Every structure is written in C-alpha cells, then in structure tokens.
Amino acid sequence: MVEFTHGGNIEELRAHLENLGLGLGETEENLIMEKPERLIMWREDGELVGHTIWHTSNTREHPNGDSREPDDKHILEEELGIKGAFIELHEIWLADTYRGRGFGSAFFQYFEDMVREKGYDSIVYYADHPAAMSICLKRGYRQAYGVELDGITGERSRYYVLAKRL
C-alpha cells in the first residue's frame, strides 16, 4: 500500500530523479527549500516510488508575485470558474513500474483531503500525461486547453489545465 509523507530528504529526491534520467529543476528546488511540506513523497514498503510538489497560488499572480498571463487568467477564471486563491499541484511523478496500481487515485483522495484541511476550496493542475488527466476527469476536475509551459523534462509544450472546486 502506498504511503504519503510531507517533507523528506531533498537529496533522496534528487537521487531518485537522477535514476529516472531526470533532474530537479531550480523552481522545484526553491519551492521545496522555502517550505519542505510542499514535497510529498510516495512510498511503498519504504521505497520511494514517486513524489508531488505543490504550492499556493491565485488567479491574479504567480507565487513569486509576477502577474499571471492574461490567457492563463482567462482559462482559470472564465473557463474553469476558479477565482482567487487555490492550491496548485505543481508536479506529480510516479515511476512507470508502479503505474496502474491505484496509487494515483489514492494520492488524489489524500491530496484533496489535505487541501480541504488547509482551508482551500480549489485545486489546479497543469498536466499532459494521459493517466493523470484520466484520474482527474474521473474525480470531477474540469479541463481546458492552451497554456504553454516547460515540463519536467525541460521541453516546452502545451498543457491542459485541470481544476476542481472542492
């Protein structure tokens, strides 16, 4: 059974990502270093099998204070009905060998409960992975298309914006 813990060793995460041929980006590292609870480690029998990074945000500006791009603000507020503060699922990663075992569904239940406990009523997730998008849609997330971002692999592409009001 998968377990989720907040915080964790950033060096362990870095080594895990390197084993997958990935790296920890500067933005992600800064998010974790500012507030270690933003890192959620996924473990099965003590082994790190995945992780999530999250942060608070709002529809007017990014966490660093920069104004949100007009197209992104339009998608969030007008197409998805999210206004004001929300929790953003910044990154989700689960090793391929652990996919299809219900870990993603278990995580979303855990995460939605955590967001409610923190007093927020909305989650936003910028995604391009079909399995993650499928889980979100099954859980009642609304979907819009059209935000261009740099992904975990560093490649720039267009992402779906998924949002749920809790």
N, C-alpha and C. Protein backbone atom coordinates (compact mmCIF):
# COMPACT_ATOMS: atom_id res chain seq x y z
N MET A 1 0.84 -1.18 0.00
CA MET A 1 0.00 0.00 0.00
C MET A 1 0.89 1.24 0.00
N VAL A 2 0.51 2.23 -0.78
CA VAL A 2 1.29 3.44 -0.89
C VAL A 2 1.03 4.35 0.32
N GLU A 3 2.11 5.01 0.78
CA GLU A 3 2.02 5.97 1.88
C GLU A 3 2.52 7.31 1.38
N PHE A 4 1.95 8.38 1.91
CA PHE A 4 2.32 9.74 1.50
C PHE A 4 2.84 10.47 2.73
N THR A 5 4.03 11.08 2.61
CA THR A 5 4.61 11.84 3.70
C THR A 5 5.06 13.20 3.19
N HIS A 6 4.88 14.21 4.04
CA HIS A 6 5.30 15.56 3.67
C HIS A 6 6.72 15.81 4.11
N GLY A 7 7.41 16.63 3.34
CA GLY A 7 8.80 16.91 3.64
C GLY A 7 9.66 15.85 2.99
N GLY A 8 10.66 15.44 3.68
CA GLY A 8 11.53 14.42 3.12
C GLY A 8 12.88 14.99 2.76
N ASN A 9 13.74 14.11 2.40
CA ASN A 9 15.11 14.45 2.10
C ASN A 9 15.24 14.86 0.63
N ILE A 10 15.60 16.11 0.40
CA ILE A 10 15.71 16.60 -0.98
C ILE A 10 16.82 15.87 -1.74
N GLU A 11 17.84 15.43 -1.04
CA GLU A 11 18.91 14.68 -1.70
C GLU A 11 18.42 13.30 -2.15
N GLU A 12 17.55 12.69 -1.36
CA GLU A 12 16.95 11.42 -1.76
C GLU A 12 16.10 11.62 -3.02
N LEU A 13 15.34 12.71 -3.05
CA LEU A 13 14.53 13.02 -4.23
C LEU A 13 15.43 13.25 -5.44
N ARG A 14 16.47 14.01 -5.25
CA ARG A 14 17.40 14.30 -6.35
C ARG A 14 17.99 13.00 -6.91
N ALA A 15 18.42 12.10 -6.04
CA ALA A 15 18.99 10.81 -6.48
C ALA A 15 17.95 9.97 -7.20
N HIS A 16 16.72 9.97 -6.67
CA HIS A 16 15.62 9.23 -7.30
C HIS A 16 15.38 9.74 -8.71
N LEU A 17 15.31 11.05 -8.88
CA LEU A 17 15.09 11.62 -10.20
C LEU A 17 16.24 11.32 -11.15
N GLU A 18 17.46 11.39 -10.64
CA GLU A 18 18.63 11.08 -11.49
C GLU A 18 18.58 9.64 -11.97
N ASN A 19 18.11 8.72 -11.11
CA ASN A 19 17.95 7.31 -11.52
C ASN A 19 16.94 7.16 -12.64
N LEU A 20 15.99 8.11 -12.71
CA LEU A 20 14.98 8.09 -13.77
C LEU A 20 15.43 8.87 -15.00
N GLY A 21 16.65 9.43 -14.95
CA GLY A 21 17.15 10.23 -16.06
C GLY A 21 16.61 11.65 -16.05
N LEU A 22 16.15 12.11 -14.90
CA LEU A 22 15.58 13.45 -14.76
C LEU A 22 16.39 14.24 -13.75
N GLY A 23 16.10 15.51 -13.66
CA GLY A 23 16.75 16.36 -12.67
C GLY A 23 15.72 17.17 -11.91
N LEU A 24 16.14 17.71 -10.79
CA LEU A 24 15.29 18.58 -10.00
C LEU A 24 15.52 20.01 -10.49
N GLY A 25 14.48 20.64 -11.01
CA GLY A 25 14.59 21.99 -11.54
C GLY A 25 14.78 23.03 -10.45
N GLU A 26 15.26 24.18 -10.85
CA GLU A 26 15.51 25.27 -9.91
C GLU A 26 14.22 25.72 -9.22
N THR A 27 13.15 25.86 -10.00
CA THR A 27 11.87 26.28 -9.41
C THR A 27 11.40 25.26 -8.38
N GLU A 28 11.47 23.99 -8.73
CA GLU A 28 11.02 22.93 -7.82
C GLU A 28 11.87 22.91 -6.56
N GLU A 29 13.18 23.04 -6.73
CA GLU A 29 14.07 23.06 -5.56
C GLU A 29 13.74 24.23 -4.66
N ASN A 30 13.51 25.41 -5.24
CA ASN A 30 13.17 26.59 -4.45
C ASN A 30 11.86 26.39 -3.69
N LEU A 31 10.86 25.82 -4.36
CA LEU A 31 9.58 25.57 -3.69
C LEU A 31 9.77 24.69 -2.47
N ILE A 32 10.57 23.64 -2.62
CA ILE A 32 10.79 22.70 -1.51
C ILE A 32 11.63 23.35 -0.41
N MET A 33 12.68 24.08 -0.78
CA MET A 33 13.55 24.70 0.21
C MET A 33 12.81 25.77 1.02
N GLU A 34 11.91 26.51 0.38
CA GLU A 34 11.13 27.54 1.08
C GLU A 34 10.20 26.92 2.11
N LYS A 35 9.53 25.82 1.73
CA LYS A 35 8.60 25.12 2.62
C LYS A 35 8.67 23.63 2.34
N PRO A 36 9.45 22.90 3.12
CA PRO A 36 9.63 21.46 2.86
C PRO A 36 8.33 20.67 2.79
N GLU A 37 7.26 21.13 3.46
CA GLU A 37 5.99 20.40 3.41
C GLU A 37 5.40 20.35 2.00
N ARG A 38 5.89 21.19 1.09
CA ARG A 38 5.40 21.19 -0.29
C ARG A 38 5.79 19.92 -1.04
N LEU A 39 6.73 19.19 -0.52
CA LEU A 39 7.16 17.93 -1.14
C LEU A 39 6.41 16.79 -0.47
N ILE A 40 5.71 16.02 -1.26
CA ILE A 40 5.04 14.82 -0.76
C ILE A 40 5.72 13.62 -1.41
N MET A 41 6.29 12.78 -0.57
CA MET A 41 6.98 11.58 -1.05
C MET A 41 5.98 10.42 -1.05
N TRP A 42 6.01 9.62 -2.12
CA TRP A 42 5.17 8.43 -2.25
C TRP A 42 6.06 7.22 -1.99
N ARG A 43 5.66 6.37 -1.04
CA ARG A 43 6.48 5.20 -0.71
C ARG A 43 5.61 3.95 -0.67
N GLU A 44 6.24 2.87 -1.13
CA GLU A 44 5.65 1.55 -0.94
C GLU A 44 6.70 0.70 -0.25
N ASP A 45 6.34 0.14 0.90
CA ASP A 45 7.27 -0.65 1.71
C ASP A 45 8.58 0.10 1.94
N GLY A 46 8.47 1.40 2.19
CA GLY A 46 9.64 2.22 2.49
C GLY A 46 10.40 2.72 1.28
N GLU A 47 10.12 2.19 0.10
CA GLU A 47 10.84 2.59 -1.12
C GLU A 47 10.16 3.79 -1.77
N LEU A 48 10.98 4.77 -2.15
CA LEU A 48 10.46 5.95 -2.83
C LEU A 48 10.04 5.56 -4.24
N VAL A 49 8.75 5.75 -4.55
CA VAL A 49 8.23 5.36 -5.87
C VAL A 49 7.68 6.56 -6.65
N GLY A 50 7.52 7.69 -5.97
CA GLY A 50 7.00 8.86 -6.64
C GLY A 50 7.04 10.06 -5.73
N HIS A 51 6.64 11.20 -6.28
CA HIS A 51 6.61 12.42 -5.47
C HIS A 51 5.63 13.43 -6.07
N THR A 52 5.29 14.40 -5.26
CA THR A 52 4.46 15.51 -5.68
C THR A 52 5.04 16.78 -5.08
N ILE A 53 4.96 17.87 -5.84
CA ILE A 53 5.31 19.19 -5.33
C ILE A 53 4.08 20.07 -5.54
N TRP A 54 3.71 20.82 -4.53
CA TRP A 54 2.54 21.68 -4.60
C TRP A 54 2.87 23.04 -3.99
N HIS A 55 2.01 24.01 -4.25
CA HIS A 55 2.16 25.32 -3.63
C HIS A 55 0.84 26.08 -3.72
N THR A 56 0.74 27.14 -2.95
CA THR A 56 -0.43 28.00 -3.05
C THR A 56 -0.23 28.97 -4.21
N SER A 57 -1.31 29.42 -4.78
CA SER A 57 -1.26 30.40 -5.87
C SER A 57 -2.59 31.13 -5.90
N ASN A 58 -2.75 32.00 -6.87
CA ASN A 58 -4.05 32.64 -7.08
C ASN A 58 -4.18 33.05 -8.54
N THR A 59 -5.37 33.42 -8.91
CA THR A 59 -5.64 33.70 -10.32
C THR A 59 -5.10 35.05 -10.78
N ARG A 60 -4.65 35.89 -9.87
CA ARG A 60 -4.12 37.20 -10.25
C ARG A 60 -2.62 37.20 -10.47
N GLU A 61 -1.91 36.42 -9.66
CA GLU A 61 -0.44 36.42 -9.76
C GLU A 61 0.15 35.08 -9.39
N HIS A 62 1.35 34.84 -9.89
CA HIS A 62 2.10 33.63 -9.55
C HIS A 62 2.66 33.78 -8.14
N PRO A 63 3.10 32.69 -7.51
CA PRO A 63 3.63 32.77 -6.15
C PRO A 63 4.79 33.75 -5.99
N ASN A 64 5.56 33.98 -7.05
CA ASN A 64 6.70 34.90 -6.95
C ASN A 64 6.29 36.36 -7.08
N GLY A 65 4.99 36.62 -7.27
CA GLY A 65 4.50 37.99 -7.38
C GLY A 65 4.30 38.49 -8.79
N ASP A 66 4.79 37.74 -9.80
CA ASP A 66 4.58 38.14 -11.19
C ASP A 66 3.11 38.00 -11.54
N SER A 67 2.60 38.95 -12.33
CA SER A 67 1.20 38.86 -12.78
C SER A 67 1.01 37.61 -13.62
N ARG A 68 -0.16 36.99 -13.44
CA ARG A 68 -0.50 35.82 -14.24
C ARG A 68 -0.77 36.27 -15.67
N GLU A 69 -0.35 35.48 -16.64
CA GLU A 69 -0.55 35.80 -18.04
C GLU A 69 -2.04 35.89 -18.34
N PRO A 70 -2.45 36.84 -19.21
CA PRO A 70 -3.89 37.02 -19.49
C PRO A 70 -4.60 35.74 -19.96
N ASP A 71 -3.94 34.94 -20.82
CA ASP A 71 -4.62 33.73 -21.30
C ASP A 71 -4.80 32.71 -20.17
N ASP A 72 -3.81 32.61 -19.29
CA ASP A 72 -3.90 31.70 -18.15
C ASP A 72 -5.00 32.18 -17.20
N LYS A 73 -5.03 33.46 -16.90
CA LYS A 73 -6.07 34.02 -16.02
C LYS A 73 -7.46 33.78 -16.61
N HIS A 74 -7.59 33.97 -17.92
CA HIS A 74 -8.87 33.75 -18.58
C HIS A 74 -9.31 32.29 -18.45
N ILE A 75 -8.38 31.37 -18.70
CA ILE A 75 -8.70 29.94 -18.59
C ILE A 75 -9.15 29.61 -17.17
N LEU A 76 -8.38 30.07 -16.18
CA LEU A 76 -8.72 29.76 -14.79
C LEU A 76 -10.06 30.35 -14.38
N GLU A 77 -10.24 31.64 -14.62
CA GLU A 77 -11.44 32.32 -14.11
C GLU A 77 -12.68 32.10 -14.97
N GLU A 78 -12.53 32.26 -16.26
CA GLU A 78 -13.70 32.22 -17.14
C GLU A 78 -14.07 30.81 -17.58
N GLU A 79 -13.08 30.02 -17.97
CA GLU A 79 -13.38 28.68 -18.47
C GLU A 79 -13.57 27.65 -17.35
N LEU A 80 -12.79 27.79 -16.28
CA LEU A 80 -12.83 26.78 -15.22
C LEU A 80 -13.50 27.26 -13.94
N GLY A 81 -13.81 28.54 -13.83
CA GLY A 81 -14.54 29.06 -12.68
C GLY A 81 -13.74 29.15 -11.39
N ILE A 82 -12.42 29.21 -11.49
CA ILE A 82 -11.57 29.34 -10.31
C ILE A 82 -11.21 30.82 -10.14
N LYS A 83 -11.52 31.39 -8.99
CA LYS A 83 -11.21 32.80 -8.74
C LYS A 83 -10.53 32.92 -7.39
N GLY A 84 -9.45 33.69 -7.36
CA GLY A 84 -8.73 33.91 -6.11
C GLY A 84 -7.74 32.80 -5.80
N ALA A 85 -7.60 32.52 -4.50
CA ALA A 85 -6.57 31.58 -4.02
C ALA A 85 -6.93 30.13 -4.33
N PHE A 86 -5.90 29.34 -4.64
CA PHE A 86 -6.06 27.91 -4.86
C PHE A 86 -4.75 27.21 -4.55
N ILE A 87 -4.80 25.88 -4.48
CA ILE A 87 -3.59 25.06 -4.36
C ILE A 87 -3.27 24.52 -5.74
N GLU A 88 -2.03 24.71 -6.15
CA GLU A 88 -1.58 24.18 -7.44
C GLU A 88 -0.77 22.93 -7.23
N LEU A 89 -1.17 21.89 -7.92
CA LEU A 89 -0.37 20.67 -7.99
C LEU A 89 0.73 21.00 -8.99
N HIS A 90 1.91 21.26 -8.51
CA HIS A 90 2.99 21.72 -9.38
C HIS A 90 3.60 20.58 -10.19
N GLU A 91 3.73 19.43 -9.55
CA GLU A 91 4.38 18.31 -10.22
C GLU A 91 3.95 17.01 -9.56
N ILE A 92 3.66 16.02 -10.39
CA ILE A 92 3.39 14.67 -9.91
C ILE A 92 4.26 13.74 -10.72
N TRP A 93 4.94 12.83 -10.03
CA TRP A 93 5.74 11.85 -10.74
C TRP A 93 5.63 10.51 -10.03
N LEU A 94 5.33 9.49 -10.81
CA LEU A 94 5.25 8.12 -10.30
C LEU A 94 6.03 7.24 -11.26
N ALA A 95 6.94 6.44 -10.73
CA ALA A 95 7.74 5.54 -11.57
C ALA A 95 6.82 4.64 -12.40
N ASP A 96 7.19 4.42 -13.64
CA ASP A 96 6.39 3.62 -14.58
C ASP A 96 6.00 2.26 -14.01
N THR A 97 6.90 1.62 -13.29
CA THR A 97 6.64 0.27 -12.79
C THR A 97 5.56 0.25 -11.71
N TYR A 98 5.17 1.42 -11.20
CA TYR A 98 4.14 1.48 -10.16
C TYR A 98 2.81 2.02 -10.67
N ARG A 99 2.75 2.33 -11.94
CA ARG A 99 1.51 2.86 -12.51
C ARG A 99 0.50 1.74 -12.71
N GLY A 100 -0.77 2.12 -12.69
CA GLY A 100 -1.83 1.14 -12.90
C GLY A 100 -2.17 0.32 -11.66
N ARG A 101 -1.68 0.74 -10.50
CA ARG A 101 -1.91 0.00 -9.26
C ARG A 101 -2.78 0.79 -8.28
N GLY A 102 -3.39 1.87 -8.74
CA GLY A 102 -4.29 2.65 -7.88
C GLY A 102 -3.60 3.72 -7.05
N PHE A 103 -2.28 3.89 -7.23
CA PHE A 103 -1.55 4.88 -6.45
C PHE A 103 -2.01 6.31 -6.77
N GLY A 104 -2.25 6.59 -8.05
CA GLY A 104 -2.70 7.92 -8.45
C GLY A 104 -4.04 8.27 -7.84
N SER A 105 -4.97 7.35 -7.89
CA SER A 105 -6.29 7.58 -7.29
C SER A 105 -6.18 7.78 -5.79
N ALA A 106 -5.35 6.96 -5.14
CA ALA A 106 -5.14 7.11 -3.69
C ALA A 106 -4.53 8.47 -3.38
N PHE A 107 -3.58 8.89 -4.21
CA PHE A 107 -2.97 10.20 -3.98
C PHE A 107 -3.99 11.32 -4.10
N PHE A 108 -4.80 11.32 -5.15
CA PHE A 108 -5.75 12.41 -5.33
C PHE A 108 -6.74 12.49 -4.17
N GLN A 109 -7.16 11.35 -3.63
CA GLN A 109 -8.04 11.39 -2.45
C GLN A 109 -7.30 12.02 -1.28
N TYR A 110 -6.07 11.59 -1.05
CA TYR A 110 -5.25 12.12 0.03
C TYR A 110 -5.05 13.63 -0.15
N PHE A 111 -4.70 14.04 -1.36
CA PHE A 111 -4.39 15.44 -1.63
C PHE A 111 -5.63 16.33 -1.48
N GLU A 112 -6.75 15.90 -2.01
CA GLU A 112 -7.98 16.69 -1.90
C GLU A 112 -8.37 16.86 -0.43
N ASP A 113 -8.21 15.82 0.38
CA ASP A 113 -8.48 15.94 1.81
C ASP A 113 -7.53 16.94 2.46
N MET A 114 -6.25 16.90 2.08
CA MET A 114 -5.26 17.83 2.63
C MET A 114 -5.61 19.27 2.28
N VAL A 115 -6.01 19.50 1.03
CA VAL A 115 -6.36 20.85 0.58
C VAL A 115 -7.54 21.38 1.40
N ARG A 116 -8.55 20.56 1.61
CA ARG A 116 -9.70 20.96 2.44
C ARG A 116 -9.25 21.32 3.85
N GLU A 117 -8.38 20.48 4.43
CA GLU A 117 -7.90 20.72 5.80
C GLU A 117 -7.14 22.04 5.90
N LYS A 118 -6.49 22.45 4.84
CA LYS A 118 -5.75 23.71 4.82
C LYS A 118 -6.68 24.90 4.57
N GLY A 119 -7.96 24.65 4.33
CA GLY A 119 -8.92 25.73 4.17
C GLY A 119 -9.09 26.25 2.75
N TYR A 120 -8.58 25.53 1.78
CA TYR A 120 -8.74 25.93 0.38
C TYR A 120 -9.88 25.15 -0.24
N ASP A 121 -10.47 25.73 -1.30
CA ASP A 121 -11.59 25.03 -1.94
C ASP A 121 -11.34 24.73 -3.41
N SER A 122 -10.12 24.98 -3.90
CA SER A 122 -9.84 24.74 -5.32
C SER A 122 -8.44 24.18 -5.52
N ILE A 123 -8.34 23.27 -6.50
CA ILE A 123 -7.06 22.70 -6.92
C ILE A 123 -6.92 22.94 -8.41
N VAL A 124 -5.71 23.32 -8.84
CA VAL A 124 -5.40 23.49 -10.25
C VAL A 124 -4.17 22.64 -10.55
N TYR A 125 -4.22 21.96 -11.69
CA TYR A 125 -3.11 21.10 -12.11
C TYR A 125 -2.90 21.26 -13.61
N TYR A 126 -1.69 21.63 -14.01
CA TYR A 126 -1.32 21.75 -15.42
C TYR A 126 -0.72 20.41 -15.82
N ALA A 127 -1.38 19.69 -16.73
CA ALA A 127 -0.99 18.31 -17.00
C ALA A 127 -0.94 18.01 -18.49
N ASP A 128 -0.13 17.01 -18.83
CA ASP A 128 -0.11 16.50 -20.19
C ASP A 128 -0.06 14.98 -20.23
N HIS A 129 0.01 14.33 -19.06
CA HIS A 129 0.10 12.88 -19.02
C HIS A 129 -1.31 12.28 -19.05
N PRO A 130 -1.60 11.41 -20.01
CA PRO A 130 -2.96 10.86 -20.15
C PRO A 130 -3.50 10.18 -18.89
N ALA A 131 -2.68 9.43 -18.18
CA ALA A 131 -3.17 8.73 -16.98
C ALA A 131 -3.58 9.72 -15.90
N ALA A 132 -2.75 10.74 -15.67
CA ALA A 132 -3.08 11.76 -14.66
C ALA A 132 -4.34 12.51 -15.05
N MET A 133 -4.46 12.84 -16.33
CA MET A 133 -5.64 13.56 -16.79
C MET A 133 -6.89 12.69 -16.63
N SER A 134 -6.77 11.41 -16.91
CA SER A 134 -7.90 10.49 -16.78
C SER A 134 -8.38 10.41 -15.33
N ILE A 135 -7.44 10.30 -14.39
CA ILE A 135 -7.80 10.26 -12.97
C ILE A 135 -8.52 11.54 -12.58
N CYS A 136 -7.97 12.68 -13.01
CA CYS A 136 -8.59 13.97 -12.67
C CYS A 136 -10.01 14.06 -13.21
N LEU A 137 -10.20 13.69 -14.47
CA LEU A 137 -11.53 13.79 -15.07
C LEU A 137 -12.52 12.87 -14.37
N LYS A 138 -12.08 11.67 -13.98
CA LYS A 138 -12.95 10.75 -13.24
C LYS A 138 -13.33 11.30 -11.87
N ARG A 139 -12.46 12.16 -11.31
CA ARG A 139 -12.70 12.73 -9.99
C ARG A 139 -13.44 14.07 -10.06
N GLY A 140 -13.89 14.45 -11.25
CA GLY A 140 -14.70 15.66 -11.37
C GLY A 140 -13.95 16.93 -11.69
N TYR A 141 -12.70 16.83 -12.07
CA TYR A 141 -11.95 18.02 -12.49
C TYR A 141 -12.48 18.48 -13.84
N ARG A 142 -12.53 19.78 -14.02
CA ARG A 142 -12.89 20.35 -15.31
C ARG A 142 -11.60 20.59 -16.08
N GLN A 143 -11.68 20.60 -17.40
CA GLN A 143 -10.48 20.67 -18.24
C GLN A 143 -10.58 21.79 -19.26
N ALA A 144 -9.47 22.49 -19.45
CA ALA A 144 -9.33 23.49 -20.51
C ALA A 144 -7.98 23.25 -21.17
N TYR A 145 -7.76 23.81 -22.33
CA TYR A 145 -6.54 23.56 -23.07
C TYR A 145 -5.91 24.87 -23.50
N GLY A 146 -4.60 24.93 -23.44
CA GLY A 146 -3.95 26.05 -24.09
C GLY A 146 -2.87 26.79 -23.37
N VAL A 147 -2.29 26.30 -22.29
CA VAL A 147 -1.22 27.02 -21.62
C VAL A 147 0.11 26.40 -22.00
N GLU A 148 1.06 27.23 -22.42
CA GLU A 148 2.37 26.75 -22.81
C GLU A 148 3.33 26.85 -21.62
N LEU A 149 3.97 25.72 -21.26
CA LEU A 149 4.85 25.64 -20.10
C LEU A 149 6.05 24.76 -20.40
N ASP A 150 7.09 24.90 -19.57
CA ASP A 150 8.22 23.98 -19.61
C ASP A 150 7.86 22.81 -18.69
N GLY A 151 8.00 21.60 -19.19
CA GLY A 151 7.66 20.42 -18.40
C GLY A 151 8.82 19.89 -17.59
N ILE A 152 8.59 18.77 -16.90
CA ILE A 152 9.59 18.16 -16.03
C ILE A 152 10.85 17.77 -16.81
N THR A 153 10.70 17.46 -18.09
CA THR A 153 11.87 17.09 -18.90
C THR A 153 12.55 18.31 -19.51
N GLY A 154 12.00 19.51 -19.26
CA GLY A 154 12.60 20.74 -19.78
C GLY A 154 12.08 21.13 -21.15
N GLU A 155 11.24 20.30 -21.74
CA GLU A 155 10.70 20.60 -23.06
C GLU A 155 9.46 21.47 -22.93
N ARG A 156 9.37 22.48 -23.78
CA ARG A 156 8.22 23.39 -23.76
C ARG A 156 7.10 22.76 -24.58
N SER A 157 5.90 22.74 -24.01
CA SER A 157 4.75 22.20 -24.74
C SER A 157 3.47 22.81 -24.17
N ARG A 158 2.38 22.49 -24.82
CA ARG A 158 1.08 22.99 -24.41
C ARG A 158 0.44 21.99 -23.44
N TYR A 159 -0.09 22.52 -22.36
CA TYR A 159 -0.65 21.69 -21.29
C TYR A 159 -2.13 21.93 -21.13
N TYR A 160 -2.82 20.89 -20.67
CA TYR A 160 -4.20 21.02 -20.25
C TYR A 160 -4.20 21.63 -18.85
N VAL A 161 -5.21 22.41 -18.58
CA VAL A 161 -5.40 22.95 -17.23
C VAL A 161 -6.60 22.23 -16.64
N LEU A 162 -6.37 21.54 -15.55
CA LEU A 162 -7.42 20.80 -14.87
C LEU A 162 -7.69 21.48 -13.53
N ALA A 163 -8.96 21.65 -13.20
CA ALA A 163 -9.30 22.34 -11.97
C ALA A 163 -10.52 21.70 -11.33
N LYS A 164 -10.50 21.74 -10.00
CA LYS A 164 -11.63 21.20 -9.24
C LYS A 164 -11.92 22.11 -8.06
N ARG A 165 -13.19 22.42 -7.91
CA ARG A 165 -13.66 23.10 -6.71
C ARG A 165 -14.14 22.02 -5.75
N LEU A 166 -13.64 22.05 -4.55
CA LEU A 166 -13.95 21.01 -3.55
C LEU A 166 -15.20 21.33 -2.75
